[in-house]
Structures are given as C-alpha cells and as structure tokens.
C-alpha cells in the first residue's frame, strides 16, 4: 500500500494542476482528446470547472505548453496501472552462486548440478565458482575440465561468461536457453 501512495504523491508533484499552472496561455485538449485551441489559463480553467474536471499541464516544454482537461484522480490511477503493468514483465536478474573446490566428491557434484538446474528453471542466472586452494592453483587444466563438465551436466543453457580464472577462483556465468 505504501508504495502506491508514495507513487501517487510523486505524480501529483510531477504535474501542475489547475491554479498551479504558471503559463498564461496554453494549448488545451479536452477529455475526449480533441484540441480546443490556444486559450488563456483563465478560459481553460473556466471550461474545466464547468465540466467538473481538472486542468493538467502535460507538456511543459512545448510552445505553448499543452494542458489537458481531465479527471486528475482517474489520470493518476491510470498512470499507476501503467507503471504496475510495466513492472510485471520484468524480473529482477537474481544471480545465484554455486561454489565448490577441485576435489569435490561425485555425490556432492551431482547435488550441486541438481541445484544449479533448479536455479535456472526458476529463471535465475547461475554463477559457478570453482575455488582453488593452496597448491590447487597449479592444476588449472583439471579445474577447467571440472567446470566444463559441470556446465555440460546442467544441460540446455547459454554461457553468458565463459570460464575464466580470477585470482584463485575459476568463474563462469550461465543462463537458461529461451
């Protein structure tokens, strides 16, 4: 509830309404979308009040500024609805991490593959970290083989960042194929 009320107050601050409009002349559009022409602020306000509607400045930088005669509360509601709709399609790009080392047991390896598949099925990006400890840094070939085996075990994916050694961590990022 809080988010929508703060969004509503933000919209109310964003638009100049009725007497808040500073421009003396305006290009006026009625609630049906028809242009009424260039009118003085007083004339436009009079028309809006006769229809029990608000005069809302929608294009401040135009010459002359454009104002619409509309029900402002209904306008704010529609803008909120548009904002919610645009948020629906986007999913936050959550990146899930899977960490293991060079000498991982087969059962643990299979468990992590299963977990990785689950993360990808849920639409998350997967960061695979193979951590090299101590003298394991000398066994880079084994590390690359293991991380590639892990990636191949996951299955149908796109590699957004191929395996690369970053310090003592061999890292790759994968996403699900669409």
N, C-alpha and C. Protein backbone atom coordinates (compact mmCIF):
# COMPACT_ATOMS: atom_id res chain seq x y z
N UNK A 1 0.82 -1.21 0.00
CA UNK A 1 0.00 0.00 0.00
C UNK A 1 0.85 1.26 0.00
N UNK A 2 1.93 1.24 0.79
CA UNK A 2 2.77 2.43 0.90
C UNK A 2 3.35 2.85 -0.43
N UNK A 3 3.81 1.87 -1.21
CA UNK A 3 4.48 2.18 -2.47
C UNK A 3 3.56 2.93 -3.41
N UNK A 4 2.29 2.51 -3.49
CA UNK A 4 1.38 3.17 -4.43
C UNK A 4 1.02 4.57 -3.96
N UNK A 5 0.88 4.77 -2.63
CA UNK A 5 0.56 6.11 -2.15
C UNK A 5 1.73 7.07 -2.37
N UNK A 6 2.96 6.57 -2.22
CA UNK A 6 4.11 7.44 -2.47
C UNK A 6 4.23 7.73 -3.96
N UNK A 7 3.88 6.74 -4.79
CA UNK A 7 3.90 6.94 -6.24
C UNK A 7 2.84 7.98 -6.62
N UNK A 8 1.69 7.93 -5.96
CA UNK A 8 0.61 8.87 -6.23
C UNK A 8 1.05 10.29 -5.88
N UNK A 9 1.70 10.46 -4.71
CA UNK A 9 2.14 11.80 -4.32
C UNK A 9 3.25 12.28 -5.26
N UNK A 10 4.07 11.36 -5.76
CA UNK A 10 5.10 11.71 -6.73
C UNK A 10 4.45 12.24 -8.00
N UNK A 11 3.40 11.57 -8.49
CA UNK A 11 2.71 12.02 -9.70
C UNK A 11 2.06 13.39 -9.48
N UNK A 12 1.52 13.59 -8.29
CA UNK A 12 0.88 14.88 -8.01
C UNK A 12 1.90 16.01 -8.01
N UNK A 13 3.13 15.71 -7.61
CA UNK A 13 4.18 16.72 -7.64
C UNK A 13 4.71 16.93 -9.06
N UNK A 14 4.63 15.89 -9.87
CA UNK A 14 5.17 15.93 -11.22
C UNK A 14 4.34 16.82 -12.15
N UNK A 15 3.05 16.84 -11.96
CA UNK A 15 2.16 17.60 -12.84
C UNK A 15 1.65 18.86 -12.14
N UNK A 16 1.54 19.94 -12.93
CA UNK A 16 0.93 21.17 -12.42
C UNK A 16 -0.56 21.07 -12.71
N UNK A 17 -1.37 21.35 -11.70
CA UNK A 17 -2.81 21.18 -11.81
C UNK A 17 -3.49 22.52 -11.53
N UNK A 18 -4.52 22.81 -12.31
CA UNK A 18 -5.38 23.99 -12.13
C UNK A 18 -4.58 25.26 -11.89
N UNK A 19 -4.67 25.84 -10.69
CA UNK A 19 -4.04 27.14 -10.41
C UNK A 19 -2.54 27.06 -10.25
N UNK A 20 -1.99 25.85 -10.17
CA UNK A 20 -0.53 25.70 -10.06
C UNK A 20 0.16 26.01 -11.39
N UNK A 21 -0.59 25.97 -12.48
CA UNK A 21 -0.03 26.22 -13.81
C UNK A 21 0.40 27.68 -13.89
N UNK A 22 1.65 27.90 -14.31
CA UNK A 22 2.20 29.25 -14.33
C UNK A 22 2.07 29.94 -15.68
N UNK A 23 1.95 29.17 -16.74
CA UNK A 23 1.91 29.74 -18.09
C UNK A 23 0.58 30.48 -18.33
N UNK A 24 0.64 31.69 -18.92
CA UNK A 24 -0.59 32.46 -19.15
C UNK A 24 -1.42 31.92 -20.33
N UNK A 25 -0.77 31.31 -21.33
CA UNK A 25 -1.51 30.74 -22.45
C UNK A 25 -1.17 29.26 -22.59
N UNK A 26 -2.16 28.49 -23.02
CA UNK A 26 -2.00 27.04 -23.11
C UNK A 26 -2.67 26.50 -24.36
N UNK A 27 -2.11 25.43 -24.91
CA UNK A 27 -2.81 24.67 -25.94
C UNK A 27 -3.63 23.66 -25.17
N UNK A 28 -4.94 23.70 -25.33
CA UNK A 28 -5.83 22.91 -24.49
C UNK A 28 -6.43 21.74 -25.28
N UNK A 29 -6.44 20.57 -24.64
CA UNK A 29 -7.04 19.36 -25.19
C UNK A 29 -8.12 18.92 -24.22
N UNK A 30 -9.32 18.61 -24.74
CA UNK A 30 -10.40 18.21 -23.83
C UNK A 30 -10.29 16.73 -23.45
N UNK A 31 -11.22 16.25 -22.63
CA UNK A 31 -11.16 14.88 -22.14
C UNK A 31 -11.40 13.82 -23.22
N UNK A 32 -11.92 14.22 -24.36
CA UNK A 32 -12.14 13.30 -25.48
C UNK A 32 -10.91 13.22 -26.40
N UNK A 33 -9.93 14.11 -26.18
CA UNK A 33 -8.71 14.13 -26.99
C UNK A 33 -8.76 15.15 -28.12
N UNK A 34 -9.81 15.95 -28.19
CA UNK A 34 -9.93 16.98 -29.24
C UNK A 34 -9.25 18.27 -28.79
N UNK A 35 -8.58 18.94 -29.73
CA UNK A 35 -7.93 20.20 -29.40
C UNK A 35 -8.96 21.33 -29.36
N UNK A 36 -8.89 22.12 -28.30
CA UNK A 36 -9.77 23.28 -28.18
C UNK A 36 -9.08 24.55 -28.66
N UNK A 37 -7.78 24.42 -28.94
CA UNK A 37 -7.02 25.57 -29.43
C UNK A 37 -6.15 26.17 -28.34
N UNK A 38 -5.61 27.36 -28.66
CA UNK A 38 -4.76 28.06 -27.70
C UNK A 38 -5.65 29.02 -26.92
N UNK A 39 -5.69 28.80 -25.60
CA UNK A 39 -6.56 29.59 -24.73
C UNK A 39 -5.74 30.20 -23.60
N UNK A 40 -6.32 31.22 -22.96
CA UNK A 40 -5.67 31.76 -21.77
C UNK A 40 -5.92 30.79 -20.63
N UNK A 41 -5.10 30.89 -19.60
CA UNK A 41 -5.23 29.99 -18.46
C UNK A 41 -6.60 30.13 -17.82
N UNK A 42 -7.10 31.37 -17.72
CA UNK A 42 -8.42 31.61 -17.10
C UNK A 42 -9.54 30.94 -17.88
N UNK A 43 -9.49 31.06 -19.22
CA UNK A 43 -10.53 30.43 -20.05
C UNK A 43 -10.50 28.91 -19.90
N UNK A 44 -9.29 28.35 -19.92
CA UNK A 44 -9.15 26.89 -19.81
C UNK A 44 -9.65 26.40 -18.45
N UNK A 45 -9.33 27.14 -17.40
CA UNK A 45 -9.79 26.76 -16.07
C UNK A 45 -11.31 26.84 -15.96
N UNK A 46 -11.88 27.86 -16.61
CA UNK A 46 -13.33 28.02 -16.58
C UNK A 46 -14.01 26.82 -17.26
N UNK A 47 -13.49 26.40 -18.41
CA UNK A 47 -14.04 25.25 -19.14
C UNK A 47 -13.93 23.99 -18.28
N UNK A 48 -12.77 23.81 -17.64
CA UNK A 48 -12.54 22.63 -16.80
C UNK A 48 -13.50 22.60 -15.62
N UNK A 49 -13.71 23.76 -14.98
CA UNK A 49 -14.59 23.82 -13.82
C UNK A 49 -16.05 23.57 -14.22
N UNK A 50 -16.44 24.04 -15.41
CA UNK A 50 -17.81 23.80 -15.88
C UNK A 50 -18.07 22.31 -16.05
N UNK A 51 -17.04 21.56 -16.40
CA UNK A 51 -17.20 20.11 -16.62
C UNK A 51 -16.84 19.30 -15.37
N UNK A 52 -16.55 19.99 -14.26
CA UNK A 52 -16.12 19.35 -13.00
C UNK A 52 -14.88 18.47 -13.21
N UNK A 53 -13.94 18.97 -13.99
CA UNK A 53 -12.69 18.28 -14.27
C UNK A 53 -11.51 19.18 -13.90
N UNK A 54 -10.31 18.65 -14.05
CA UNK A 54 -9.10 19.39 -13.72
C UNK A 54 -8.35 19.78 -14.99
N UNK A 55 -7.62 20.87 -14.91
CA UNK A 55 -6.73 21.29 -15.99
C UNK A 55 -5.32 20.84 -15.57
N UNK A 56 -4.74 19.94 -16.37
CA UNK A 56 -3.46 19.35 -16.02
C UNK A 56 -2.44 19.66 -17.11
N UNK A 57 -1.30 20.22 -16.71
CA UNK A 57 -0.23 20.53 -17.65
C UNK A 57 0.52 19.24 -17.97
N UNK A 58 0.48 18.81 -19.24
CA UNK A 58 1.10 17.54 -19.62
C UNK A 58 2.38 17.71 -20.42
N UNK A 59 2.55 18.83 -21.10
CA UNK A 59 3.79 19.08 -21.86
C UNK A 59 4.25 20.50 -21.57
N UNK A 60 5.08 20.60 -20.56
CA UNK A 60 5.54 21.90 -20.06
C UNK A 60 6.46 22.60 -21.04
N UNK A 61 7.29 21.86 -21.79
CA UNK A 61 8.30 22.46 -22.65
C UNK A 61 7.81 22.79 -24.05
N UNK A 62 6.58 22.41 -24.38
CA UNK A 62 6.05 22.71 -25.72
C UNK A 62 5.77 24.22 -25.82
N UNK A 63 5.65 24.71 -27.06
CA UNK A 63 5.34 26.13 -27.27
C UNK A 63 4.01 26.24 -27.98
N UNK A 64 2.98 26.74 -27.41
CA UNK A 64 2.76 26.97 -25.98
C UNK A 64 2.59 25.64 -25.23
N UNK A 65 2.72 25.66 -23.89
CA UNK A 65 2.58 24.44 -23.10
C UNK A 65 1.21 23.78 -23.34
N UNK A 66 1.19 22.44 -23.27
CA UNK A 66 -0.04 21.69 -23.53
C UNK A 66 -0.68 21.28 -22.21
N UNK A 67 -1.99 21.53 -22.11
CA UNK A 67 -2.74 21.14 -20.92
C UNK A 67 -3.95 20.33 -21.36
N UNK A 68 -4.33 19.36 -20.53
CA UNK A 68 -5.50 18.52 -20.80
C UNK A 68 -6.55 18.78 -19.74
N UNK A 69 -7.80 18.74 -20.18
CA UNK A 69 -8.91 18.82 -19.25
C UNK A 69 -9.33 17.38 -18.97
N UNK A 70 -8.98 16.91 -17.77
CA UNK A 70 -9.25 15.52 -17.39
C UNK A 70 -9.55 15.43 -15.90
N UNK A 71 -10.04 14.25 -15.47
CA UNK A 71 -10.20 13.97 -14.06
C UNK A 71 -8.83 13.52 -13.56
N UNK A 72 -8.19 14.35 -12.73
CA UNK A 72 -6.81 14.08 -12.35
C UNK A 72 -6.67 12.79 -11.55
N UNK A 73 -7.62 12.50 -10.65
CA UNK A 73 -7.53 11.26 -9.87
C UNK A 73 -7.60 10.04 -10.77
N UNK A 74 -8.43 10.09 -11.79
CA UNK A 74 -8.53 8.99 -12.74
C UNK A 74 -7.22 8.88 -13.54
N UNK A 75 -6.65 10.01 -13.90
CA UNK A 75 -5.38 10.06 -14.63
C UNK A 75 -4.26 9.43 -13.80
N UNK A 76 -4.19 9.78 -12.51
CA UNK A 76 -3.17 9.22 -11.62
C UNK A 76 -3.35 7.71 -11.50
N UNK A 77 -4.59 7.26 -11.38
CA UNK A 77 -4.88 5.83 -11.30
C UNK A 77 -4.39 5.10 -12.54
N UNK A 78 -4.66 5.66 -13.72
CA UNK A 78 -4.23 5.04 -14.97
C UNK A 78 -2.70 5.00 -15.08
N UNK A 79 -2.03 6.07 -14.64
CA UNK A 79 -0.57 6.10 -14.67
C UNK A 79 0.01 5.03 -13.74
N UNK A 80 -0.61 4.86 -12.56
CA UNK A 80 -0.15 3.82 -11.63
C UNK A 80 -0.33 2.44 -12.24
N UNK A 81 -1.46 2.26 -12.91
CA UNK A 81 -1.75 0.98 -13.55
C UNK A 81 -0.71 0.67 -14.63
N UNK A 82 -0.35 1.69 -15.42
CA UNK A 82 0.68 1.52 -16.46
C UNK A 82 2.02 1.14 -15.82
N UNK A 83 2.37 1.80 -14.72
CA UNK A 83 3.63 1.52 -14.04
C UNK A 83 3.66 0.08 -13.53
N UNK A 84 2.54 -0.39 -12.96
CA UNK A 84 2.47 -1.77 -12.46
C UNK A 84 2.60 -2.76 -13.61
N UNK A 85 1.93 -2.48 -14.73
CA UNK A 85 1.99 -3.36 -15.89
C UNK A 85 3.41 -3.47 -16.43
N UNK A 86 4.11 -2.35 -16.47
CA UNK A 86 5.48 -2.38 -16.99
C UNK A 86 6.41 -3.15 -16.05
N UNK A 87 6.12 -3.14 -14.76
CA UNK A 87 6.94 -3.88 -13.80
C UNK A 87 6.68 -5.37 -13.88
N UNK A 88 5.47 -5.75 -14.25
CA UNK A 88 5.09 -7.17 -14.28
C UNK A 88 6.01 -7.98 -15.18
N UNK A 89 6.31 -7.49 -16.37
CA UNK A 89 7.09 -8.23 -17.33
C UNK A 89 8.55 -8.40 -16.96
N UNK A 90 9.05 -7.51 -16.12
CA UNK A 90 10.47 -7.58 -15.79
C UNK A 90 10.67 -8.38 -14.52
N UNK A 91 11.67 -9.23 -14.56
CA UNK A 91 12.02 -9.99 -13.39
C UNK A 91 13.42 -9.55 -12.98
N UNK A 92 13.58 -9.32 -11.72
CA UNK A 92 14.89 -8.88 -11.26
C UNK A 92 15.90 -9.97 -11.55
N UNK A 93 17.01 -9.58 -12.15
CA UNK A 93 18.05 -10.53 -12.53
C UNK A 93 18.83 -11.02 -11.34
N UNK A 94 18.27 -12.00 -10.63
CA UNK A 94 18.94 -12.54 -9.46
C UNK A 94 20.00 -13.53 -9.92
N UNK A 95 21.19 -13.39 -9.40
CA UNK A 95 22.27 -14.31 -9.71
C UNK A 95 22.49 -15.22 -8.51
N UNK A 96 22.40 -16.51 -8.75
CA UNK A 96 22.63 -17.50 -7.70
C UNK A 96 24.05 -18.05 -7.86
N UNK A 97 24.69 -18.31 -6.74
CA UNK A 97 26.07 -18.81 -6.75
C UNK A 97 26.11 -20.29 -6.39
N UNK A 98 26.99 -21.01 -7.05
CA UNK A 98 27.32 -22.38 -6.67
C UNK A 98 28.83 -22.43 -6.53
N UNK A 99 29.27 -22.80 -5.32
CA UNK A 99 30.70 -22.84 -5.02
C UNK A 99 31.13 -24.28 -4.75
N UNK A 100 32.27 -24.65 -5.27
CA UNK A 100 32.86 -25.95 -4.95
C UNK A 100 34.35 -25.87 -5.19
N UNK A 101 35.07 -26.92 -4.78
CA UNK A 101 36.51 -26.91 -5.00
C UNK A 101 36.91 -28.05 -5.93
N UNK A 102 38.16 -28.13 -6.20
CA UNK A 102 38.68 -29.05 -7.22
C UNK A 102 38.46 -30.52 -6.87
N UNK A 103 38.57 -30.87 -5.61
CA UNK A 103 38.42 -32.28 -5.21
C UNK A 103 37.06 -32.51 -4.56
N UNK A 104 36.00 -32.28 -5.32
CA UNK A 104 34.63 -32.47 -4.86
C UNK A 104 34.25 -33.93 -5.10
N UNK A 105 33.48 -34.50 -4.17
CA UNK A 105 33.02 -35.88 -4.33
C UNK A 105 31.93 -35.96 -5.40
N UNK A 106 31.74 -37.15 -5.95
CA UNK A 106 30.76 -37.33 -7.03
C UNK A 106 29.34 -37.02 -6.56
N UNK A 107 28.98 -37.44 -5.36
CA UNK A 107 27.63 -37.21 -4.84
C UNK A 107 27.38 -35.71 -4.66
N UNK A 108 28.37 -35.01 -4.12
CA UNK A 108 28.24 -33.55 -3.95
C UNK A 108 28.15 -32.86 -5.31
N UNK A 109 28.93 -33.33 -6.25
CA UNK A 109 28.92 -32.77 -7.61
C UNK A 109 27.51 -32.89 -8.21
N UNK A 110 26.92 -34.09 -8.10
CA UNK A 110 25.57 -34.32 -8.64
C UNK A 110 24.53 -33.48 -7.92
N UNK A 111 24.69 -33.32 -6.59
CA UNK A 111 23.76 -32.49 -5.82
C UNK A 111 23.82 -31.03 -6.28
N UNK A 112 25.02 -30.52 -6.53
CA UNK A 112 25.17 -29.14 -7.00
C UNK A 112 24.64 -28.96 -8.42
N UNK A 113 24.81 -29.98 -9.27
CA UNK A 113 24.25 -29.92 -10.63
C UNK A 113 22.73 -29.82 -10.54
N UNK A 114 22.14 -30.64 -9.66
CA UNK A 114 20.68 -30.63 -9.48
C UNK A 114 20.21 -29.25 -8.99
N UNK A 115 20.94 -28.68 -8.03
CA UNK A 115 20.59 -27.36 -7.50
C UNK A 115 20.73 -26.28 -8.59
N UNK A 116 21.79 -26.38 -9.39
CA UNK A 116 22.00 -25.43 -10.48
C UNK A 116 20.87 -25.48 -11.50
N UNK A 117 20.41 -26.70 -11.84
CA UNK A 117 19.29 -26.86 -12.77
C UNK A 117 18.03 -26.21 -12.21
N UNK A 118 17.84 -26.37 -10.90
CA UNK A 118 16.66 -25.78 -10.25
C UNK A 118 16.70 -24.25 -10.30
N UNK A 119 17.87 -23.68 -10.02
CA UNK A 119 18.02 -22.22 -10.10
C UNK A 119 17.69 -21.72 -11.50
N UNK A 120 18.22 -22.39 -12.51
CA UNK A 120 17.98 -21.98 -13.90
C UNK A 120 16.51 -22.13 -14.28
N UNK A 121 15.88 -23.21 -13.80
CA UNK A 121 14.45 -23.42 -14.08
C UNK A 121 13.61 -22.29 -13.50
N UNK A 122 14.04 -21.74 -12.36
CA UNK A 122 13.32 -20.64 -11.71
C UNK A 122 13.63 -19.29 -12.34
N UNK A 123 14.44 -19.29 -13.41
CA UNK A 123 14.71 -18.06 -14.15
C UNK A 123 15.89 -17.25 -13.64
N UNK A 124 16.69 -17.83 -12.76
CA UNK A 124 17.83 -17.11 -12.23
C UNK A 124 19.06 -17.32 -13.10
N UNK A 125 19.98 -16.41 -12.97
CA UNK A 125 21.29 -16.54 -13.61
C UNK A 125 22.15 -17.34 -12.64
N UNK A 126 23.07 -18.14 -13.14
CA UNK A 126 23.86 -19.01 -12.28
C UNK A 126 25.35 -18.68 -12.42
N UNK A 127 25.98 -18.35 -11.30
CA UNK A 127 27.42 -18.09 -11.28
C UNK A 127 28.09 -19.31 -10.65
N UNK A 128 28.95 -19.95 -11.41
CA UNK A 128 29.64 -21.15 -10.95
C UNK A 128 31.06 -20.76 -10.54
N UNK A 129 31.40 -21.02 -9.28
CA UNK A 129 32.71 -20.66 -8.74
C UNK A 129 33.46 -21.92 -8.32
N UNK A 130 34.57 -22.19 -8.95
CA UNK A 130 35.44 -23.29 -8.55
C UNK A 130 36.62 -22.65 -7.83
N UNK A 131 36.69 -22.87 -6.54
CA UNK A 131 37.69 -22.20 -5.71
C UNK A 131 38.93 -23.08 -5.61
N UNK A 132 40.07 -22.54 -5.96
CA UNK A 132 41.34 -23.26 -5.92
C UNK A 132 42.10 -22.86 -4.66
N UNK A 133 42.41 -23.88 -3.83
CA UNK A 133 43.08 -23.59 -2.55
C UNK A 133 44.50 -24.15 -2.56
N UNK A 134 45.39 -23.39 -1.98
CA UNK A 134 46.78 -23.85 -1.83
C UNK A 134 47.43 -24.16 -3.16
N UNK A 135 47.96 -25.37 -3.27
CA UNK A 135 48.68 -25.77 -4.48
C UNK A 135 47.75 -26.18 -5.62
N UNK A 136 46.44 -26.15 -5.39
CA UNK A 136 45.49 -26.47 -6.46
C UNK A 136 45.61 -25.49 -7.62
N UNK A 137 46.17 -24.31 -7.37
CA UNK A 137 46.34 -23.29 -8.42
C UNK A 137 47.22 -23.83 -9.55
N UNK A 138 48.08 -24.80 -9.25
CA UNK A 138 48.94 -25.40 -10.27
C UNK A 138 48.17 -26.38 -11.17
N UNK A 139 46.99 -26.77 -10.77
CA UNK A 139 46.21 -27.76 -11.52
C UNK A 139 45.08 -27.07 -12.30
N UNK A 140 45.43 -26.03 -13.03
CA UNK A 140 44.43 -25.25 -13.78
C UNK A 140 43.72 -26.09 -14.84
N UNK A 141 44.47 -27.01 -15.48
CA UNK A 141 43.87 -27.86 -16.51
C UNK A 141 42.74 -28.71 -15.92
N UNK A 142 42.97 -29.30 -14.75
CA UNK A 142 41.95 -30.11 -14.09
C UNK A 142 40.74 -29.23 -13.72
N UNK A 143 41.02 -28.01 -13.27
CA UNK A 143 39.96 -27.10 -12.86
C UNK A 143 39.07 -26.75 -14.06
N UNK A 144 39.69 -26.43 -15.21
CA UNK A 144 38.91 -26.11 -16.40
C UNK A 144 38.09 -27.31 -16.85
N UNK A 145 38.66 -28.53 -16.77
CA UNK A 145 37.92 -29.73 -17.14
C UNK A 145 36.71 -29.92 -16.23
N UNK A 146 36.90 -29.72 -14.93
CA UNK A 146 35.82 -29.92 -13.96
C UNK A 146 34.69 -28.90 -14.17
N UNK A 147 35.03 -27.64 -14.35
CA UNK A 147 33.98 -26.63 -14.54
C UNK A 147 33.25 -26.85 -15.86
N UNK A 148 33.95 -27.27 -16.90
CA UNK A 148 33.29 -27.58 -18.18
C UNK A 148 32.39 -28.80 -18.05
N UNK A 149 32.84 -29.79 -17.25
CA UNK A 149 31.98 -30.97 -17.00
C UNK A 149 30.71 -30.55 -16.27
N UNK A 150 30.86 -29.63 -15.30
CA UNK A 150 29.71 -29.13 -14.55
C UNK A 150 28.73 -28.42 -15.50
N UNK A 151 29.26 -27.55 -16.35
CA UNK A 151 28.41 -26.81 -17.29
C UNK A 151 27.69 -27.76 -18.24
N UNK A 152 28.39 -28.78 -18.75
CA UNK A 152 27.77 -29.76 -19.65
C UNK A 152 26.73 -30.61 -18.93
N UNK A 153 26.92 -30.87 -17.63
CA UNK A 153 25.97 -31.67 -16.86
C UNK A 153 24.66 -30.92 -16.65
N UNK A 154 24.72 -29.62 -16.58
CA UNK A 154 23.50 -28.83 -16.37
C UNK A 154 22.57 -28.97 -17.56
N UNK A 155 23.12 -28.98 -18.77
CA UNK A 155 22.29 -29.22 -19.94
C UNK A 155 22.07 -28.01 -20.81
N UNK A 156 20.82 -27.73 -21.12
CA UNK A 156 20.40 -26.76 -22.13
C UNK A 156 20.54 -25.32 -21.61
N UNK A 157 21.72 -24.73 -21.80
CA UNK A 157 21.99 -23.39 -21.27
C UNK A 157 22.78 -22.55 -22.26
N UNK A 158 22.79 -21.25 -22.00
CA UNK A 158 23.67 -20.32 -22.72
C UNK A 158 24.75 -19.85 -21.75
N UNK A 159 25.96 -19.80 -22.22
CA UNK A 159 27.07 -19.34 -21.38
C UNK A 159 27.22 -17.84 -21.61
N UNK A 160 26.88 -17.04 -20.60
CA UNK A 160 27.00 -15.60 -20.77
C UNK A 160 28.41 -15.12 -20.47
N UNK A 161 29.15 -15.88 -19.65
CA UNK A 161 30.55 -15.56 -19.37
C UNK A 161 31.31 -16.88 -19.27
N UNK A 162 32.16 -17.19 -20.24
CA UNK A 162 32.86 -18.48 -20.23
C UNK A 162 33.81 -18.59 -19.03
N UNK A 163 34.22 -19.80 -18.67
CA UNK A 163 35.12 -19.99 -17.52
C UNK A 163 36.39 -19.16 -17.66
N UNK A 164 36.70 -18.44 -16.60
CA UNK A 164 37.89 -17.58 -16.59
C UNK A 164 38.46 -17.57 -15.18
N UNK A 165 39.76 -17.61 -15.09
CA UNK A 165 40.43 -17.59 -13.79
C UNK A 165 40.53 -16.16 -13.29
N UNK A 166 39.94 -15.91 -12.12
CA UNK A 166 40.00 -14.59 -11.48
C UNK A 166 40.65 -14.78 -10.11
N UNK A 167 41.94 -14.57 -10.05
CA UNK A 167 42.67 -14.81 -8.81
C UNK A 167 42.74 -16.31 -8.56
N UNK A 168 42.14 -16.75 -7.47
CA UNK A 168 42.12 -18.18 -7.13
C UNK A 168 40.75 -18.80 -7.39
N UNK A 169 39.91 -18.10 -8.13
CA UNK A 169 38.56 -18.61 -8.41
C UNK A 169 38.38 -18.72 -9.92
N UNK A 170 37.99 -19.91 -10.34
CA UNK A 170 37.64 -20.13 -11.74
C UNK A 170 36.14 -19.91 -11.83
N UNK A 171 35.70 -18.91 -12.60
CA UNK A 171 34.31 -18.47 -12.58
C UNK A 171 33.69 -18.51 -13.96
N UNK A 172 32.43 -18.95 -14.01
CA UNK A 172 31.64 -18.92 -15.25
C UNK A 172 30.23 -18.52 -14.89
N UNK A 173 29.53 -17.84 -15.81
CA UNK A 173 28.15 -17.45 -15.59
C UNK A 173 27.31 -18.02 -16.72
N UNK A 174 26.21 -18.68 -16.36
CA UNK A 174 25.33 -19.31 -17.35
C UNK A 174 23.89 -18.87 -17.10
N UNK A 175 23.10 -18.91 -18.18
CA UNK A 175 21.68 -18.63 -18.11
C UNK A 175 20.93 -19.69 -18.89
N UNK A 176 19.63 -19.81 -18.62
CA UNK A 176 18.81 -20.80 -19.29
C UNK A 176 18.53 -20.38 -20.72
N UNK A 177 18.51 -21.33 -21.64
CA UNK A 177 18.14 -21.03 -23.03
C UNK A 177 16.67 -20.70 -23.08
N UNK A 178 16.33 -19.74 -23.93
CA UNK A 178 14.92 -19.34 -24.02
C UNK A 178 14.23 -20.04 -25.13
